[in-house]
PDB file of N, CA and C in Angstrom:
ATOM      1  N   MET A   1      -2.582  38.180 -21.156  1.00  0.00           N
ATOM      2  CA  MET A   1      -2.132  37.079 -20.348  1.00  0.00           C
ATOM      3  C   MET A   1      -3.339  36.195 -20.034  1.00  0.00           C
ATOM      4  N   SER A   2      -3.187  34.959 -20.486  1.00  0.00           N
ATOM      5  CA  SER A   2      -4.336  34.050 -20.216  1.00  0.00           C
ATOM      6  C   SER A   2      -4.018  33.210 -18.999  1.00  0.00           C
ATOM      7  N   LYS A   3      -5.002  33.005 -18.191  1.00  0.00           N
ATOM      8  CA  LYS A   3      -4.790  32.222 -17.031  1.00  0.00           C
ATOM      9  C   LYS A   3      -5.265  30.720 -17.388  1.00  0.00           C
ATOM     10  N   LYS A   4      -4.366  29.845 -17.107  1.00  0.00           N
ATOM     11  CA  LYS A   4      -4.745  28.461 -17.326  1.00  0.00           C
ATOM     12  C   LYS A   4      -5.209  27.737 -16.050  1.00  0.00           C
ATOM     13  N   LYS A   5      -6.307  27.005 -16.301  1.00  0.00           N
ATOM     14  CA  LYS A   5      -6.879  26.368 -15.220  1.00  0.00           C
ATOM     15  C   LYS A   5      -6.135  24.989 -14.998  1.00  0.00           C
ATOM     16  N   LYS A   6      -5.787  24.780 -13.790  1.00  0.00           N
ATOM     17  CA  LYS A   6      -5.049  23.578 -13.464  1.00  0.00           C
ATOM     18  C   LYS A   6      -5.914  22.374 -13.662  1.00  0.00           C
ATOM     19  N   ALA A   7      -5.409  21.371 -14.383  1.00  0.00           N
ATOM     20  CA  ALA A   7      -6.226  20.138 -14.687  1.00  0.00           C
ATOM     21  C   ALA A   7      -6.084  19.202 -13.446  1.00  0.00           C
ATOM     22  N   THR A   8      -7.214  19.048 -12.740  1.00  0.00           N
ATOM     23  CA  THR A   8      -7.103  18.168 -11.658  1.00  0.00           C
ATOM     24  C   THR A   8      -8.165  16.978 -11.860  1.00  0.00           C
ATOM     25  N   GLY A   9      -8.392  16.557 -13.075  1.00  0.00           N
ATOM     26  CA  GLY A   9      -9.415  15.493 -13.299  1.00  0.00           C
ATOM     27  C   GLY A   9      -9.069  14.164 -12.708  1.00  0.00           C
ATOM     28  N   ASP A  10      -7.779  13.840 -12.735  1.00  0.00           N
ATOM     29  CA  ASP A  10      -7.433  12.461 -12.268  1.00  0.00           C
ATOM     30  C   ASP A  10      -6.795  12.419 -10.899  1.00  0.00           C
ATOM     31  N   THR A  11      -6.949  13.498 -10.187  1.00  0.00           N
ATOM     32  CA  THR A  11      -6.291  13.570  -8.877  1.00  0.00           C
ATOM     33  C   THR A  11      -6.808  12.589  -7.918  1.00  0.00           C
ATOM     34  N   TYR A  12      -8.092  12.517  -7.713  1.00  0.00           N
ATOM     35  CA  TYR A  12      -8.686  11.500  -6.759  1.00  0.00           C
ATOM     36  C   TYR A  12      -8.503  10.130  -7.269  1.00  0.00           C
ATOM     37  N   LEU A  13      -8.544   9.879  -8.540  1.00  0.00           N
ATOM     38  CA  LEU A  13      -8.344   8.504  -9.027  1.00  0.00           C
ATOM     39  C   LEU A  13      -6.839   8.042  -8.661  1.00  0.00           C
ATOM     40  N   ALA A  14      -5.973   8.958  -8.794  1.00  0.00           N
ATOM     41  CA  ALA A  14      -4.580   8.580  -8.492  1.00  0.00           C
ATOM     42  C   ALA A  14      -4.406   8.335  -6.973  1.00  0.00           C
ATOM     43  N   VAL A  15      -5.082   9.103  -6.209  1.00  0.00           N
ATOM     44  CA  VAL A  15      -5.023   8.996  -4.699  1.00  0.00           C
ATOM     45  C   VAL A  15      -5.658   7.727  -4.329  1.00  0.00           C
ATOM     46  N   GLY A  16      -6.883   7.387  -4.972  1.00  0.00           N
ATOM     47  CA  GLY A  16      -7.545   6.118  -4.665  1.00  0.00           C
ATOM     48  C   GLY A  16      -6.768   4.987  -4.974  1.00  0.00           C
ATOM     49  N   ILE A  17      -5.987   5.019  -6.081  1.00  0.00           N
ATOM     50  CA  ILE A  17      -5.128   3.823  -6.469  1.00  0.00           C
ATOM     51  C   ILE A  17      -3.909   3.796  -5.517  1.00  0.00           C
ATOM     52  N   GLY A  18      -3.377   4.965  -5.245  1.00  0.00           N
ATOM     53  CA  GLY A  18      -2.212   4.963  -4.367  1.00  0.00           C
ATOM     54  C   GLY A  18      -2.527   4.432  -2.993  1.00  0.00           C
ATOM     55  N   ILE A  19      -3.705   4.602  -2.436  1.00  0.00           N
ATOM     56  CA  ILE A  19      -4.024   4.242  -1.155  1.00  0.00           C
ATOM     57  C   ILE A  19      -4.562   2.790  -1.154  1.00  0.00           C
ATOM     58  N   GLY A  20      -5.403   2.513  -2.216  1.00  0.00           N
ATOM     59  CA  GLY A  20      -6.052   1.181  -2.209  1.00  0.00           C
ATOM     60  C   GLY A  20      -5.075   0.029  -2.516  1.00  0.00           C
ATOM     61  N   LEU A  21      -4.126   0.267  -3.348  1.00  0.00           N
ATOM     62  CA  LEU A  21      -3.089  -0.808  -3.766  1.00  0.00           C
ATOM     63  C   LEU A  21      -2.348  -1.308  -2.494  1.00  0.00           C
ATOM     64  N   PRO A  22      -1.688  -0.467  -1.733  1.00  0.00           N
ATOM     65  CA  PRO A  22      -0.985  -1.012  -0.597  1.00  0.00           C
ATOM     66  C   PRO A  22      -1.888  -1.539   0.499  1.00  0.00           C
ATOM     67  N   LEU A  23      -2.967  -0.905   0.737  1.00  0.00           N
ATOM     68  CA  LEU A  23      -3.964  -1.533   1.740  1.00  0.00           C
ATOM     69  C   LEU A  23      -4.449  -2.906   1.333  1.00  0.00           C
ATOM     70  N   GLY A  24      -4.771  -3.074   0.020  1.00  0.00           N
ATOM     71  CA  GLY A  24      -5.213  -4.261  -0.529  1.00  0.00           C
ATOM     72  C   GLY A  24      -4.208  -5.375  -0.357  1.00  0.00           C
ATOM     73  N   ALA A  25      -2.957  -4.948  -0.630  1.00  0.00           N
ATOM     74  CA  ALA A  25      -1.821  -5.908  -0.631  1.00  0.00           C
ATOM     75  C   ALA A  25      -1.677  -6.376   0.847  1.00  0.00           C
ATOM     76  N   VAL A  26      -1.736  -5.489   1.829  1.00  0.00           N
ATOM     77  CA  VAL A  26      -1.626  -5.918   3.250  1.00  0.00           C
ATOM     78  C   VAL A  26      -2.794  -6.850   3.608  1.00  0.00           C
ATOM     79  N   LEU A  27      -4.070  -6.473   3.189  1.00  0.00           N
ATOM     80  CA  LEU A  27      -5.180  -7.285   3.545  1.00  0.00           C
ATOM     81  C   LEU A  27      -5.098  -8.635   2.746  1.00  0.00           C
ATOM     82  N   GLY A  28      -4.500  -8.622   1.578  1.00  0.00           N
ATOM     83  CA  GLY A  28      -4.360  -9.873   0.824  1.00  0.00           C
ATOM     84  C   GLY A  28      -3.397 -10.849   1.470  1.00  0.00           C
ATOM     85  N   LEU A  29      -2.268 -10.292   2.032  1.00  0.00           N
ATOM     86  CA  LEU A  29      -1.333 -11.063   2.746  1.00  0.00           C
ATOM     87  C   LEU A  29      -1.884 -11.639   4.055  1.00  0.00           C
ATOM     88  N   THR A  30      -2.692 -10.772   4.708  1.00  0.00           N
ATOM     89  CA  THR A  30      -3.295 -11.110   6.040  1.00  0.00           C
ATOM     90  C   THR A  30      -4.340 -12.175   5.893  1.00  0.00           C
ATOM     91  N   LEU A  31      -5.375 -11.872   4.960  1.00  0.00           N
ATOM     92  CA  LEU A  31      -6.481 -12.829   4.841  1.00  0.00           C
ATOM     93  C   LEU A  31      -6.371 -13.952   3.908  1.00  0.00           C
ATOM     94  N   PHE A  32      -5.782 -13.692   2.698  1.00  0.00           N
ATOM     95  CA  PHE A  32      -5.566 -14.767   1.730  1.00  0.00           C
ATOM     96  C   PHE A  32      -4.305 -15.431   1.630  1.00  0.00           C
ATOM     97  N   ASP A  33      -3.295 -14.901   2.185  1.00  0.00           N
ATOM     98  CA  ASP A  33      -1.894 -15.308   2.143  1.00  0.00           C
ATOM     99  C   ASP A  33      -1.416 -15.218   0.694  1.00  0.00           C
ATOM    100  N   ASP A  34      -1.947 -14.242  -0.003  1.00  0.00           N
ATOM    101  CA  ASP A  34      -1.511 -14.022  -1.391  1.00  0.00           C
ATOM    102  C   ASP A  34      -1.538 -12.568  -1.725  1.00  0.00           C
ATOM    103  N   LEU A  35      -0.395 -12.073  -2.114  1.00  0.00           N
ATOM    104  CA  LEU A  35      -0.206 -10.654  -2.343  1.00  0.00           C
ATOM    105  C   LEU A  35      -1.032 -10.145  -3.571  1.00  0.00           C
ATOM    106  N   ALA A  36      -1.056 -10.949  -4.695  1.00  0.00           N
ATOM    107  CA  ALA A  36      -1.761 -10.641  -5.886  1.00  0.00           C
ATOM    108  C   ALA A  36      -3.237 -10.402  -5.709  1.00  0.00           C
ATOM    109  N   ILE A  37      -3.899 -11.318  -5.032  1.00  0.00           N
ATOM    110  CA  ILE A  37      -5.359 -11.217  -4.792  1.00  0.00           C
ATOM    111  C   ILE A  37      -5.671  -9.913  -4.049  1.00  0.00           C
ATOM    112  N   GLY A  38      -4.948  -9.606  -3.024  1.00  0.00           N
ATOM    113  CA  GLY A  38      -5.238  -8.446  -2.181  1.00  0.00           C
ATOM    114  C   GLY A  38      -4.897  -7.215  -2.956  1.00  0.00           C
ATOM    115  N   ALA A  39      -3.884  -7.178  -3.785  1.00  0.00           N
ATOM    116  CA  ALA A  39      -3.514  -5.988  -4.577  1.00  0.00           C
ATOM    117  C   ALA A  39      -4.531  -5.743  -5.688  1.00  0.00           C
ATOM    118  N   GLY A  40      -5.084  -6.832  -6.243  1.00  0.00           N
ATOM    119  CA  GLY A  40      -6.199  -6.621  -7.293  1.00  0.00           C
ATOM    120  C   GLY A  40      -7.421  -6.135  -6.625  1.00  0.00           C
ATOM    121  N   ILE A  41      -7.747  -6.625  -5.391  1.00  0.00           N
ATOM    122  CA  ILE A  41      -8.974  -6.130  -4.755  1.00  0.00           C
ATOM    123  C   ILE A  41      -8.756  -4.629  -4.383  1.00  0.00           C
ATOM    124  N   GLY A  42      -7.558  -4.291  -3.848  1.00  0.00           N
ATOM    125  CA  GLY A  42      -7.316  -2.944  -3.461  1.00  0.00           C
ATOM    126  C   GLY A  42      -7.357  -1.983  -4.654  1.00  0.00           C
ATOM    127  N   LEU A  43      -6.744  -2.423  -5.812  1.00  0.00           N
ATOM    128  CA  LEU A  43      -6.769  -1.634  -7.010  1.00  0.00           C
ATOM    129  C   LEU A  43      -8.173  -1.308  -7.499  1.00  0.00           C
ATOM    130  N   VAL A  44      -9.066  -2.335  -7.497  1.00  0.00           N
ATOM    131  CA  VAL A  44     -10.421  -2.147  -7.916  1.00  0.00           C
ATOM    132  C   VAL A  44     -11.123  -1.190  -6.952  1.00  0.00           C
ATOM    133  N   PHE A  45     -10.915  -1.390  -5.635  1.00  0.00           N
ATOM    134  CA  PHE A  45     -11.528  -0.502  -4.660  1.00  0.00           C
ATOM    135  C   PHE A  45     -11.039   0.926  -4.822  1.00  0.00           C
ATOM    136  N   GLY A  46      -9.737   1.084  -5.001  1.00  0.00           N
ATOM    137  CA  GLY A  46      -9.158   2.467  -5.230  1.00  0.00           C
ATOM    138  C   GLY A  46      -9.745   3.177  -6.418  1.00  0.00           C
ATOM    139  N   ILE A  47      -9.847   2.400  -7.614  1.00  0.00           N
ATOM    140  CA  ILE A  47     -10.342   3.012  -8.803  1.00  0.00           C
ATOM    141  C   ILE A  47     -11.832   3.405  -8.613  1.00  0.00           C
ATOM    142  N   THR A  48     -12.578   2.501  -7.931  1.00  0.00           N
ATOM    143  CA  THR A  48     -13.967   2.840  -7.650  1.00  0.00           C
ATOM    144  C   THR A  48     -14.196   4.091  -6.848  1.00  0.00           C
ATOM    145  N   VAL A  49     -13.508   4.079  -5.769  1.00  0.00           N
ATOM    146  CA  VAL A  49     -13.665   5.297  -4.809  1.00  0.00           C
ATOM    147  C   VAL A  49     -13.083   6.561  -5.436  1.00  0.00           C
ATOM    148  N   GLY A  50     -11.938   6.464  -6.140  1.00  0.00           N
ATOM    149  CA  GLY A  50     -11.407   7.651  -6.791  1.00  0.00           C
ATOM    150  C   GLY A  50     -12.296   8.220  -7.876  1.00  0.00           C
ATOM    151  N   THR A  51     -12.865   7.346  -8.676  1.00  0.00           N
ATOM    152  CA  THR A  51     -13.810   7.733  -9.765  1.00  0.00           C
ATOM    153  C   THR A  51     -15.077   8.305  -9.136  1.00  0.00           C
ATOM    154  N   ALA A  52     -15.616   7.819  -8.107  1.00  0.00           N
ATOM    155  CA  ALA A  52     -16.758   8.269  -7.461  1.00  0.00           C
ATOM    156  C   ALA A  52     -16.584   9.609  -6.916  1.00  0.00           C
ATOM    157  N   ILE A  53     -15.437   9.920  -6.259  1.00  0.00           N
ATOM    158  CA  ILE A  53     -15.078  11.257  -5.742  1.00  0.00           C
ATOM    159  C   ILE A  53     -14.923  12.254  -6.862  1.00  0.00           C
ATOM    160  N   ASP A  54     -14.205  11.825  -8.019  1.00  0.00           N
ATOM    161  CA  ASP A  54     -14.063  12.664  -9.091  1.00  0.00           C
ATOM    162  C   ASP A  54     -15.366  13.139  -9.826  1.00  0.00           C
ATOM    163  N   SER A  55     -16.282  12.164  -9.808  1.00  0.00           N
ATOM    164  CA  SER A  55     -17.563  12.442 -10.516  1.00  0.00           C
ATOM    165  C   SER A  55     -18.429  13.379  -9.593  1.00  0.00           C
ATOM    166  N   ASN A  56     -18.313  13.352  -8.370  1.00  0.00           N
ATOM    167  CA  ASN A  56     -19.009  14.226  -7.424  1.00  0.00           C
ATOM    168  C   ASN A  56     -18.468  15.627  -7.419  1.00  0.00           C
ATOM    169  N   LYS A  57     -17.172  15.800  -7.689  1.00  0.00           N
ATOM    170  CA  LYS A  57     -16.587  17.147  -7.639  1.00  0.00           C
ATOM    171  C   LYS A  57     -16.908  17.915  -8.924  1.00  0.00           C
ATOM    172  N   ALA A  58     -17.322  17.334  -9.902  1.00  0.00           N
ATOM    173  CA  ALA A  58     -17.602  17.986 -11.210  1.00  0.00           C
ATOM    174  C   ALA A  58     -18.938  18.706 -11.232  1.00  0.00           C
TER     175      ALA A  58
END
């Protein structure tokens, strides 16, 4: 019986995108009065933070 290691490589990336996208959308509507600008900023922020956490965990 072989034990398979659970693949958690993209876990924090997904969490970063999932949190960054809605927060960016809210900030975009609040500051810029445009949903797309805020969502783009939140997406980039979420990818950056998620990738940074993933790289530190390895």
